Amino acid sequence: SGYCVESETGKVCSKTCTSSCPKDWKCTQTAGDNELIYVCLPAYTQLCRPCKDHKDCTASGAKADTNFCIPRDDGQGFVNGSFCGTACAVDKDCKTGFVCSDVKLPGVDGTLKQCMPESGECSCLAAWVSSGAATACEKTNEFGTCKASRSCTAEGLTLCTADMPSAESCDNVDNDCDGATDEDDAVGC
């Protein structure tokens, strides 16, 4: 067909479409030269990919997308990173092992429906390892917020190395992660 698209296993040939595509693929408008071209694209190429912003979640070749970069919060002040969701209306729109969930995005009113893991954490695909896919993570409590990052490696997604914020003490360390070390009111200063 002349259309080579990114899939979970690498580049594959695709075809133009008007409405139907193979299972787990969707008929998507592509970024053509001022013409409306629809091509079958894998529906889940970016699903669960570590991300930093929404553009990291756009399907390869898609003109516009409804996949979003969604922060995963454990509810205890630990943001485990952000991962790509894919648009859905009901659970059957999602890949096996995923459910159609209402998600809240920072700065957006209301909720959006996105496929999210049924349980557990996202894993890394080989393509994400080679592209250096990464996400920010953070730990927050009453003392502040400490940030770090996680990235895809051959061994899987790295752990979040963010420190747990603590009261600033006079030890030459930024204990509360506010960018200042040993302020005048730090314990012991």
N, C-alpha and C. Protein backbone atom coordinates (compact mmCIF):
# COMPACT_ATOMS: atom_id res chain seq x y z
N SER A 1 0.81 -1.21 0.00
CA SER A 1 0.00 0.00 0.00
C SER A 1 0.84 1.27 0.00
N GLY A 2 2.10 1.15 0.39
CA GLY A 2 2.94 2.33 0.49
C GLY A 2 2.85 3.01 1.85
N TYR A 3 2.04 2.47 2.77
CA TYR A 3 1.93 3.04 4.11
C TYR A 3 2.65 2.14 5.11
N CYS A 4 3.71 2.67 5.67
CA CYS A 4 4.50 1.95 6.67
C CYS A 4 4.26 2.64 8.01
N VAL A 5 3.74 1.91 8.99
CA VAL A 5 3.37 2.51 10.27
C VAL A 5 4.05 1.80 11.43
N GLU A 6 4.17 2.51 12.53
CA GLU A 6 4.78 1.97 13.74
C GLU A 6 3.78 1.06 14.45
N SER A 7 4.23 -0.12 14.86
CA SER A 7 3.39 -1.03 15.64
C SER A 7 4.14 -1.39 16.92
N GLU A 8 3.54 -2.24 17.75
CA GLU A 8 4.19 -2.65 18.99
C GLU A 8 5.46 -3.45 18.74
N THR A 9 5.58 -4.01 17.53
CA THR A 9 6.75 -4.84 17.21
C THR A 9 7.69 -4.18 16.21
N GLY A 10 7.43 -2.94 15.85
CA GLY A 10 8.26 -2.24 14.87
C GLY A 10 7.42 -1.78 13.69
N LYS A 11 8.07 -1.41 12.59
CA LYS A 11 7.37 -0.91 11.40
C LYS A 11 6.68 -2.05 10.65
N VAL A 12 5.43 -1.79 10.21
CA VAL A 12 4.67 -2.77 9.43
C VAL A 12 3.91 -2.05 8.32
N CYS A 13 3.56 -2.78 7.28
CA CYS A 13 2.75 -2.22 6.19
C CYS A 13 1.31 -2.11 6.65
N SER A 14 0.61 -1.09 6.16
CA SER A 14 -0.79 -0.90 6.48
C SER A 14 -1.55 -0.63 5.19
N LYS A 15 -2.83 -0.23 5.31
CA LYS A 15 -3.66 0.03 4.14
C LYS A 15 -4.59 1.20 4.41
N THR A 16 -5.10 1.78 3.34
CA THR A 16 -6.09 2.83 3.51
C THR A 16 -7.40 2.19 3.95
N CYS A 17 -8.29 3.01 4.51
CA CYS A 17 -9.55 2.48 5.01
C CYS A 17 -10.64 3.53 4.90
N THR A 18 -11.88 3.08 5.01
CA THR A 18 -13.02 3.99 5.08
C THR A 18 -13.74 3.83 6.41
N SER A 19 -13.73 2.62 6.97
CA SER A 19 -14.37 2.42 8.26
C SER A 19 -13.79 1.25 9.05
N SER A 20 -13.52 0.14 8.39
CA SER A 20 -13.11 -1.03 9.16
C SER A 20 -11.62 -1.34 8.97
N CYS A 21 -11.06 -1.89 10.05
CA CYS A 21 -9.66 -2.31 10.07
C CYS A 21 -9.58 -3.63 10.83
N PRO A 22 -8.45 -4.31 10.79
CA PRO A 22 -8.32 -5.55 11.55
C PRO A 22 -8.50 -5.30 13.06
N LYS A 23 -8.73 -6.36 13.81
CA LYS A 23 -8.89 -6.27 15.26
C LYS A 23 -7.67 -5.57 15.87
N ASP A 24 -7.91 -4.71 16.83
CA ASP A 24 -6.89 -3.92 17.54
C ASP A 24 -6.23 -2.85 16.68
N TRP A 25 -6.85 -2.51 15.55
CA TRP A 25 -6.41 -1.41 14.70
C TRP A 25 -7.60 -0.47 14.55
N LYS A 26 -7.34 0.81 14.21
CA LYS A 26 -8.43 1.75 13.99
C LYS A 26 -8.17 2.58 12.74
N CYS A 27 -9.26 2.95 12.07
CA CYS A 27 -9.20 3.76 10.86
C CYS A 27 -8.98 5.21 11.31
N THR A 28 -7.80 5.77 11.01
CA THR A 28 -7.38 7.06 11.55
C THR A 28 -6.95 8.01 10.44
N GLN A 29 -7.38 9.27 10.55
CA GLN A 29 -6.94 10.28 9.59
C GLN A 29 -5.46 10.53 9.81
N THR A 30 -4.70 10.51 8.72
CA THR A 30 -3.25 10.70 8.83
C THR A 30 -2.85 12.11 8.45
N ALA A 31 -1.62 12.44 8.77
CA ALA A 31 -1.09 13.76 8.49
C ALA A 31 -0.60 13.80 7.04
N GLY A 32 -1.54 13.82 6.10
CA GLY A 32 -1.21 13.85 4.68
C GLY A 32 -1.00 15.26 4.18
N ASP A 33 -0.69 15.40 2.90
CA ASP A 33 -0.45 16.71 2.29
C ASP A 33 -1.77 17.35 1.88
N ASN A 34 -2.47 17.98 2.84
CA ASN A 34 -3.72 18.70 2.60
C ASN A 34 -4.82 17.85 1.97
N GLU A 35 -4.79 16.56 2.17
CA GLU A 35 -5.86 15.71 1.68
C GLU A 35 -6.29 14.77 2.80
N LEU A 36 -7.54 14.37 2.76
CA LEU A 36 -8.06 13.47 3.78
C LEU A 36 -7.71 12.05 3.42
N ILE A 37 -6.79 11.49 4.16
CA ILE A 37 -6.39 10.10 3.96
C ILE A 37 -6.59 9.37 5.28
N TYR A 38 -7.27 8.24 5.21
CA TYR A 38 -7.48 7.42 6.39
C TYR A 38 -6.72 6.12 6.20
N VAL A 39 -5.95 5.76 7.21
CA VAL A 39 -5.11 4.57 7.16
C VAL A 39 -5.37 3.76 8.43
N CYS A 40 -5.32 2.45 8.32
CA CYS A 40 -5.43 1.59 9.50
C CYS A 40 -4.15 1.74 10.32
N LEU A 41 -4.32 2.16 11.58
CA LEU A 41 -3.19 2.30 12.51
C LEU A 41 -3.45 1.42 13.73
N PRO A 42 -2.40 0.86 14.30
CA PRO A 42 -2.58 0.06 15.52
C PRO A 42 -3.22 0.92 16.60
N ALA A 43 -4.24 0.39 17.25
CA ALA A 43 -4.97 1.16 18.26
C ALA A 43 -4.18 1.34 19.55
N TYR A 44 -3.23 0.45 19.82
CA TYR A 44 -2.60 0.45 21.14
C TYR A 44 -1.09 0.65 21.11
N THR A 45 -0.54 1.22 20.05
CA THR A 45 0.91 1.37 19.92
C THR A 45 1.51 2.15 21.09
N GLN A 46 0.82 3.17 21.56
CA GLN A 46 1.35 4.01 22.63
C GLN A 46 0.77 3.68 24.00
N LEU A 47 -0.21 2.75 24.07
CA LEU A 47 -0.88 2.44 25.34
C LEU A 47 0.13 2.00 26.40
N CYS A 48 0.13 2.72 27.51
CA CYS A 48 0.98 2.44 28.68
C CYS A 48 2.43 2.91 28.51
N ARG A 49 2.74 3.64 27.44
CA ARG A 49 4.09 4.17 27.23
C ARG A 49 4.37 5.24 28.27
N PRO A 50 5.54 5.23 28.93
CA PRO A 50 5.89 6.33 29.83
C PRO A 50 5.93 7.63 29.03
N CYS A 51 5.37 8.71 29.60
CA CYS A 51 5.28 9.97 28.85
C CYS A 51 5.53 11.17 29.74
N LYS A 52 5.84 12.28 29.09
CA LYS A 52 6.04 13.55 29.79
C LYS A 52 4.94 14.53 29.43
N ASP A 53 4.38 14.41 28.21
CA ASP A 53 3.26 15.26 27.81
C ASP A 53 2.41 14.52 26.77
N HIS A 54 1.28 15.12 26.42
CA HIS A 54 0.30 14.45 25.55
C HIS A 54 0.86 14.09 24.17
N LYS A 55 1.78 14.89 23.64
CA LYS A 55 2.30 14.58 22.30
C LYS A 55 3.07 13.26 22.28
N ASP A 56 3.58 12.82 23.43
CA ASP A 56 4.26 11.52 23.50
C ASP A 56 3.29 10.36 23.22
N CYS A 57 1.99 10.63 23.35
CA CYS A 57 0.98 9.57 23.23
C CYS A 57 0.28 9.54 21.87
N THR A 58 0.63 10.46 20.97
CA THR A 58 0.00 10.51 19.65
C THR A 58 0.42 9.31 18.83
N ALA A 59 -0.55 8.64 18.25
CA ALA A 59 -0.26 7.47 17.41
C ALA A 59 0.56 7.89 16.21
N SER A 60 1.50 7.07 15.82
CA SER A 60 2.37 7.34 14.68
C SER A 60 1.55 7.63 13.43
N GLY A 61 1.76 8.79 12.84
CA GLY A 61 1.09 9.16 11.60
C GLY A 61 -0.27 9.79 11.76
N ALA A 62 -0.82 9.80 12.96
CA ALA A 62 -2.16 10.35 13.16
C ALA A 62 -2.15 11.87 13.05
N LYS A 63 -3.18 12.43 12.38
CA LYS A 63 -3.28 13.88 12.25
C LYS A 63 -3.67 14.50 13.59
N ALA A 64 -4.59 13.88 14.29
CA ALA A 64 -4.99 14.33 15.62
C ALA A 64 -5.22 13.08 16.45
N ASP A 65 -5.17 13.22 17.73
CA ASP A 65 -5.31 12.03 18.55
C ASP A 65 -6.10 12.34 19.81
N THR A 66 -6.65 11.31 20.38
CA THR A 66 -7.40 11.44 21.63
C THR A 66 -6.77 10.59 22.73
N ASN A 67 -5.49 10.30 22.56
CA ASN A 67 -4.73 9.60 23.59
C ASN A 67 -4.06 10.65 24.47
N PHE A 68 -4.06 10.42 25.79
CA PHE A 68 -3.52 11.42 26.70
C PHE A 68 -2.47 10.84 27.63
N CYS A 69 -1.60 11.71 28.12
CA CYS A 69 -0.55 11.37 29.09
C CYS A 69 -1.17 11.56 30.48
N ILE A 70 -1.34 10.44 31.20
CA ILE A 70 -2.12 10.44 32.44
C ILE A 70 -1.23 10.15 33.65
N PRO A 71 -1.18 11.07 34.63
CA PRO A 71 -0.40 10.81 35.84
C PRO A 71 -1.01 9.66 36.64
N ARG A 72 -0.17 8.77 37.14
CA ARG A 72 -0.63 7.65 37.97
C ARG A 72 -0.24 7.94 39.42
N ASP A 73 -1.23 8.29 40.24
CA ASP A 73 -1.03 8.66 41.64
C ASP A 73 -1.48 7.50 42.51
N ASP A 74 -0.66 7.14 43.50
CA ASP A 74 -1.04 6.03 44.37
C ASP A 74 -1.96 6.47 45.51
N GLY A 75 -2.31 7.76 45.56
CA GLY A 75 -3.19 8.26 46.59
C GLY A 75 -2.48 8.52 47.92
N GLN A 76 -1.20 8.25 47.99
CA GLN A 76 -0.43 8.42 49.23
C GLN A 76 0.67 9.48 49.05
N GLY A 77 0.53 10.33 48.03
CA GLY A 77 1.54 11.37 47.80
C GLY A 77 2.67 10.93 46.90
N PHE A 78 2.50 9.79 46.22
CA PHE A 78 3.55 9.29 45.33
C PHE A 78 2.99 9.20 43.91
N VAL A 79 3.50 10.05 43.00
CA VAL A 79 3.14 9.98 41.59
C VAL A 79 4.15 9.06 40.92
N ASN A 80 3.69 7.92 40.51
CA ASN A 80 4.53 6.86 39.98
C ASN A 80 5.00 7.15 38.56
N GLY A 81 4.57 8.25 38.01
CA GLY A 81 4.89 8.62 36.64
C GLY A 81 3.62 8.86 35.86
N SER A 82 3.76 9.22 34.60
CA SER A 82 2.62 9.41 33.70
C SER A 82 2.76 8.43 32.55
N PHE A 83 1.61 7.89 32.12
CA PHE A 83 1.60 6.85 31.10
C PHE A 83 0.48 7.12 30.12
N CYS A 84 0.68 6.75 28.86
CA CYS A 84 -0.30 7.00 27.82
C CYS A 84 -1.53 6.13 27.97
N GLY A 85 -2.68 6.75 27.83
CA GLY A 85 -3.94 6.04 27.72
C GLY A 85 -4.38 6.08 26.28
N THR A 86 -5.45 5.36 25.95
CA THR A 86 -6.05 5.46 24.62
C THR A 86 -7.54 5.68 24.80
N ALA A 87 -8.13 6.41 23.87
CA ALA A 87 -9.54 6.76 23.97
C ALA A 87 -10.43 5.52 23.94
N CYS A 88 -11.50 5.57 24.71
CA CYS A 88 -12.46 4.46 24.75
C CYS A 88 -13.82 4.99 25.16
N ALA A 89 -14.83 4.17 24.97
CA ALA A 89 -16.18 4.48 25.46
C ALA A 89 -16.61 3.41 26.46
N VAL A 90 -16.22 2.17 26.18
CA VAL A 90 -16.55 1.03 27.05
C VAL A 90 -15.34 0.10 27.14
N ASP A 91 -15.37 -0.84 28.09
CA ASP A 91 -14.24 -1.75 28.31
C ASP A 91 -13.82 -2.52 27.07
N LYS A 92 -14.76 -2.91 26.22
CA LYS A 92 -14.41 -3.71 25.04
C LYS A 92 -13.59 -2.91 24.02
N ASP A 93 -13.52 -1.59 24.17
CA ASP A 93 -12.69 -0.76 23.30
C ASP A 93 -11.21 -0.87 23.67
N CYS A 94 -10.93 -1.49 24.81
CA CYS A 94 -9.56 -1.56 25.33
C CYS A 94 -8.93 -2.93 25.06
N LYS A 95 -7.64 -2.94 25.04
CA LYS A 95 -6.83 -4.15 24.91
C LYS A 95 -7.06 -5.05 26.12
N THR A 96 -6.89 -6.35 25.97
CA THR A 96 -7.02 -7.28 27.08
C THR A 96 -6.10 -6.86 28.22
N GLY A 97 -6.64 -6.86 29.45
CA GLY A 97 -5.87 -6.45 30.62
C GLY A 97 -6.03 -4.98 30.96
N PHE A 98 -6.86 -4.27 30.18
CA PHE A 98 -7.10 -2.85 30.39
C PHE A 98 -8.60 -2.60 30.51
N VAL A 99 -8.97 -1.55 31.23
CA VAL A 99 -10.37 -1.17 31.38
C VAL A 99 -10.55 0.29 30.97
N CYS A 100 -11.76 0.61 30.54
CA CYS A 100 -12.10 1.99 30.16
C CYS A 100 -12.43 2.75 31.44
N SER A 101 -11.57 3.68 31.81
CA SER A 101 -11.69 4.39 33.08
C SER A 101 -11.94 5.88 32.87
N ASP A 102 -12.65 6.49 33.82
CA ASP A 102 -12.77 7.94 33.86
C ASP A 102 -11.50 8.47 34.49
N VAL A 103 -10.77 9.32 33.77
CA VAL A 103 -9.53 9.88 34.31
C VAL A 103 -9.63 11.39 34.37
N LYS A 104 -8.97 11.96 35.35
CA LYS A 104 -8.91 13.41 35.53
C LYS A 104 -7.53 13.87 35.12
N LEU A 105 -7.48 14.82 34.21
CA LEU A 105 -6.21 15.39 33.77
C LEU A 105 -6.00 16.75 34.44
N PRO A 106 -4.79 17.04 34.88
CA PRO A 106 -4.52 18.34 35.48
C PRO A 106 -4.88 19.46 34.51
N GLY A 107 -5.61 20.46 35.00
CA GLY A 107 -5.96 21.62 34.20
C GLY A 107 -7.13 21.41 33.25
N VAL A 108 -7.78 20.24 33.30
CA VAL A 108 -8.92 19.95 32.42
C VAL A 108 -10.15 19.73 33.29
N ASP A 109 -11.26 20.43 32.98
CA ASP A 109 -12.50 20.23 33.73
C ASP A 109 -13.11 18.89 33.37
N GLY A 110 -13.70 18.23 34.34
CA GLY A 110 -14.38 16.97 34.09
C GLY A 110 -13.39 15.82 33.92
N THR A 111 -13.91 14.72 33.41
CA THR A 111 -13.09 13.52 33.20
C THR A 111 -13.13 13.09 31.74
N LEU A 112 -12.17 12.29 31.36
CA LEU A 112 -12.09 11.72 30.02
C LEU A 112 -12.05 10.20 30.15
N LYS A 113 -12.53 9.50 29.14
CA LYS A 113 -12.47 8.04 29.14
C LYS A 113 -11.19 7.60 28.44
N GLN A 114 -10.38 6.80 29.15
CA GLN A 114 -9.13 6.30 28.60
C GLN A 114 -8.93 4.86 29.06
N CYS A 115 -8.31 4.04 28.21
CA CYS A 115 -7.95 2.68 28.58
C CYS A 115 -6.78 2.77 29.56
N MET A 116 -6.93 2.09 30.70
CA MET A 116 -5.91 2.08 31.74
C MET A 116 -5.70 0.64 32.20
N PRO A 117 -4.51 0.30 32.74
CA PRO A 117 -4.29 -1.07 33.20
C PRO A 117 -5.32 -1.48 34.25
N GLU A 118 -5.80 -2.72 34.12
CA GLU A 118 -6.76 -3.26 35.09
C GLU A 118 -6.13 -3.31 36.48
N SER A 119 -4.85 -3.68 36.51
CA SER A 119 -4.10 -3.70 37.76
C SER A 119 -2.62 -3.65 37.44
N GLY A 120 -1.83 -3.37 38.44
CA GLY A 120 -0.38 -3.37 38.26
C GLY A 120 0.14 -2.16 37.51
N GLU A 121 1.38 -2.29 37.09
CA GLU A 121 2.09 -1.17 36.47
C GLU A 121 2.38 -1.47 34.99
N CYS A 122 2.55 -0.44 34.23
CA CYS A 122 2.89 -0.58 32.82
C CYS A 122 4.30 -1.18 32.68
N SER A 123 4.50 -1.93 31.61
CA SER A 123 5.82 -2.47 31.32
C SER A 123 6.37 -1.79 30.07
N CYS A 124 7.64 -2.01 29.77
CA CYS A 124 8.29 -1.34 28.65
C CYS A 124 8.38 -2.25 27.43
N LEU A 125 8.04 -1.72 26.27
CA LEU A 125 8.26 -2.42 25.01
C LEU A 125 9.66 -2.10 24.50
N ALA A 126 10.20 -2.98 23.68
CA ALA A 126 11.56 -2.77 23.13
C ALA A 126 11.67 -1.44 22.40
N ALA A 127 10.63 -1.04 21.66
CA ALA A 127 10.66 0.23 20.93
C ALA A 127 10.78 1.41 21.89
N TRP A 128 10.18 1.31 23.07
CA TRP A 128 10.25 2.41 24.04
C TRP A 128 11.63 2.46 24.69
N VAL A 129 12.26 1.31 24.84
CA VAL A 129 13.63 1.27 25.38
C VAL A 129 14.56 1.98 24.40
N SER A 130 14.45 1.62 23.10
CA SER A 130 15.36 2.21 22.11
C SER A 130 15.10 3.70 21.90
N SER A 131 13.87 4.16 22.14
CA SER A 131 13.58 5.59 21.97
C SER A 131 13.84 6.39 23.25
N GLY A 132 14.19 5.70 24.35
CA GLY A 132 14.48 6.40 25.60
C GLY A 132 13.25 6.94 26.29
N ALA A 133 12.11 6.26 26.16
CA ALA A 133 10.87 6.72 26.79
C ALA A 133 11.08 6.89 28.30
N ALA A 134 10.61 8.03 28.83
CA ALA A 134 10.79 8.33 30.25
C ALA A 134 9.60 9.11 30.77
N THR A 135 9.48 9.17 32.07
CA THR A 135 8.41 9.91 32.72
C THR A 135 8.91 10.50 34.03
N ALA A 136 8.27 11.56 34.48
CA ALA A 136 8.63 12.19 35.76
C ALA A 136 7.85 11.49 36.87
N CYS A 137 8.46 11.40 38.04
CA CYS A 137 7.79 10.85 39.21
C CYS A 137 8.08 11.78 40.38
N GLU A 138 7.26 11.69 41.43
CA GLU A 138 7.47 12.58 42.57
C GLU A 138 6.88 11.99 43.84
N LYS A 139 7.44 12.43 44.97
CA LYS A 139 6.93 12.07 46.29
C LYS A 139 6.59 13.37 47.01
N THR A 140 5.39 13.42 47.59
CA THR A 140 4.90 14.64 48.23
C THR A 140 4.39 14.32 49.63
N ASN A 141 4.68 15.21 50.56
CA ASN A 141 4.08 15.15 51.90
C ASN A 141 4.02 16.58 52.44
N GLU A 142 3.78 16.73 53.75
CA GLU A 142 3.61 18.07 54.33
C GLU A 142 4.87 18.92 54.24
N PHE A 143 6.04 18.33 53.97
CA PHE A 143 7.29 19.09 53.91
C PHE A 143 7.60 19.62 52.50
N GLY A 144 7.02 19.01 51.46
CA GLY A 144 7.28 19.47 50.10
C GLY A 144 7.12 18.36 49.09
N THR A 145 7.71 18.57 47.91
CA THR A 145 7.65 17.60 46.81
C THR A 145 9.05 17.40 46.25
N CYS A 146 9.48 16.15 46.22
CA CYS A 146 10.77 15.80 45.61
C CYS A 146 10.51 15.09 44.30
N LYS A 147 11.24 15.46 43.24
CA LYS A 147 11.01 14.93 41.90
C LYS A 147 12.20 14.12 41.40
N ALA A 148 11.91 13.19 40.51
CA ALA A 148 12.93 12.38 39.85
C ALA A 148 12.33 11.91 38.52
N SER A 149 12.94 10.91 37.90
CA SER A 149 12.37 10.38 36.66
C SER A 149 12.54 8.87 36.63
N ARG A 150 11.76 8.26 35.75
CA ARG A 150 11.83 6.82 35.51
C ARG A 150 11.99 6.66 34.00
N SER A 151 12.70 5.64 33.56
CA SER A 151 12.87 5.44 32.13
C SER A 151 12.83 3.95 31.79
N CYS A 152 12.54 3.67 30.53
CA CYS A 152 12.50 2.29 30.04
C CYS A 152 13.92 1.81 29.76
N THR A 153 14.26 0.66 30.32
CA THR A 153 15.55 0.03 30.06
C THR A 153 15.29 -1.42 29.66
N ALA A 154 16.32 -2.13 29.25
CA ALA A 154 16.18 -3.53 28.88
C ALA A 154 15.68 -4.37 30.06
N GLU A 155 15.93 -3.91 31.27
CA GLU A 155 15.48 -4.62 32.48
C GLU A 155 14.07 -4.21 32.88
N GLY A 156 13.47 -3.23 32.21
CA GLY A 156 12.14 -2.74 32.54
C GLY A 156 12.18 -1.29 32.97
N LEU A 157 11.08 -0.83 33.55
CA LEU A 157 10.95 0.56 33.98
C LEU A 157 11.73 0.75 35.28
N THR A 158 12.61 1.75 35.30
CA THR A 158 13.41 2.00 36.50
C THR A 158 12.51 2.46 37.65
N LEU A 159 12.99 2.31 38.86
CA LEU A 159 12.26 2.77 40.04
C LEU A 159 12.37 4.28 40.16
N CYS A 160 11.43 4.88 40.86
CA CYS A 160 11.50 6.32 41.12
C CYS A 160 12.53 6.55 42.23
N THR A 161 13.51 7.38 41.97
CA THR A 161 14.58 7.64 42.94
C THR A 161 14.35 8.94 43.72
N ALA A 162 13.14 9.50 43.63
CA ALA A 162 12.86 10.73 44.37
C ALA A 162 12.97 10.47 45.87
N ASP A 163 13.60 11.41 46.58
CA ASP A 163 13.69 11.31 48.03
C ASP A 163 12.33 11.62 48.64
N MET A 164 12.09 11.13 49.83
CA MET A 164 10.89 11.52 50.56
C MET A 164 11.21 12.85 51.24
N PRO A 165 10.41 13.92 50.98
CA PRO A 165 10.69 15.22 51.59
C PRO A 165 10.66 15.12 53.12
N SER A 166 11.54 15.88 53.76
CA SER A 166 11.57 15.92 55.23
C SER A 166 11.83 17.35 55.67
N ALA A 167 11.68 17.61 56.96
CA ALA A 167 11.93 18.95 57.49
C ALA A 167 13.37 19.35 57.15
N GLU A 168 13.54 20.58 56.73
CA GLU A 168 14.88 21.07 56.40
C GLU A 168 15.74 21.07 57.65
N SER A 169 16.89 20.42 57.57
CA SER A 169 17.83 20.42 58.70
C SER A 169 19.18 20.91 58.21
N CYS A 170 20.02 21.32 59.12
CA CYS A 170 21.29 21.94 58.78
C CYS A 170 22.32 20.85 58.47
N ASP A 171 22.26 20.30 57.24
CA ASP A 171 23.14 19.18 56.87
C ASP A 171 23.68 19.29 55.44
N ASN A 172 23.57 20.48 54.86
CA ASN A 172 24.06 20.72 53.50
C ASN A 172 23.29 19.94 52.43
N VAL A 173 22.02 19.58 52.74
CA VAL A 173 21.16 18.85 51.82
C VAL A 173 19.83 19.60 51.72
N ASP A 174 19.22 19.61 50.54
CA ASP A 174 17.90 20.22 50.35
C ASP A 174 16.84 19.19 50.76
N ASN A 175 16.61 19.04 52.04
CA ASN A 175 15.73 18.00 52.58
C ASN A 175 14.28 18.10 52.13
N ASP A 176 13.77 19.34 51.96
CA ASP A 176 12.37 19.52 51.57
C ASP A 176 12.20 19.78 50.08
N CYS A 177 13.29 19.68 49.32
CA CYS A 177 13.28 19.78 47.85
C CYS A 177 12.67 21.08 47.33
N ASP A 178 12.94 22.20 48.02
CA ASP A 178 12.40 23.48 47.57
C ASP A 178 13.43 24.31 46.80
N GLY A 179 14.60 23.73 46.55
CA GLY A 179 15.64 24.41 45.78
C GLY A 179 16.62 25.19 46.63
N ALA A 180 16.37 25.26 47.94
CA ALA A 180 17.26 25.97 48.85
C ALA A 180 17.80 24.99 49.90
N THR A 181 19.05 25.18 50.29
CA THR A 181 19.68 24.29 51.27
C THR A 181 19.98 25.06 52.56
N ASP A 182 19.64 24.44 53.67
CA ASP A 182 19.96 24.98 55.00
C ASP A 182 19.50 26.42 55.18
N GLU A 183 18.20 26.66 54.96
CA GLU A 183 17.64 28.00 55.18
C GLU A 183 17.79 28.38 56.65
N ASP A 184 17.59 29.67 56.97
CA ASP A 184 17.78 30.17 58.33
C ASP A 184 16.93 29.43 59.36
N ASP A 185 15.73 28.97 58.94
CA ASP A 185 14.84 28.30 59.92
C ASP A 185 15.05 26.78 59.94
N ALA A 186 16.08 26.26 59.28
CA ALA A 186 16.35 24.82 59.28
C ALA A 186 16.76 24.37 60.66
N VAL A 187 16.34 23.15 61.02
CA VAL A 187 16.68 22.58 62.33
C VAL A 187 18.20 22.49 62.46
N GLY A 188 18.73 23.05 63.53
CA GLY A 188 20.16 22.98 63.80
C GLY A 188 21.00 24.11 63.23
N CYS A 189 20.39 24.99 62.42
CA CYS A 189 21.16 26.10 61.86
C CYS A 189 21.18 27.28 62.81
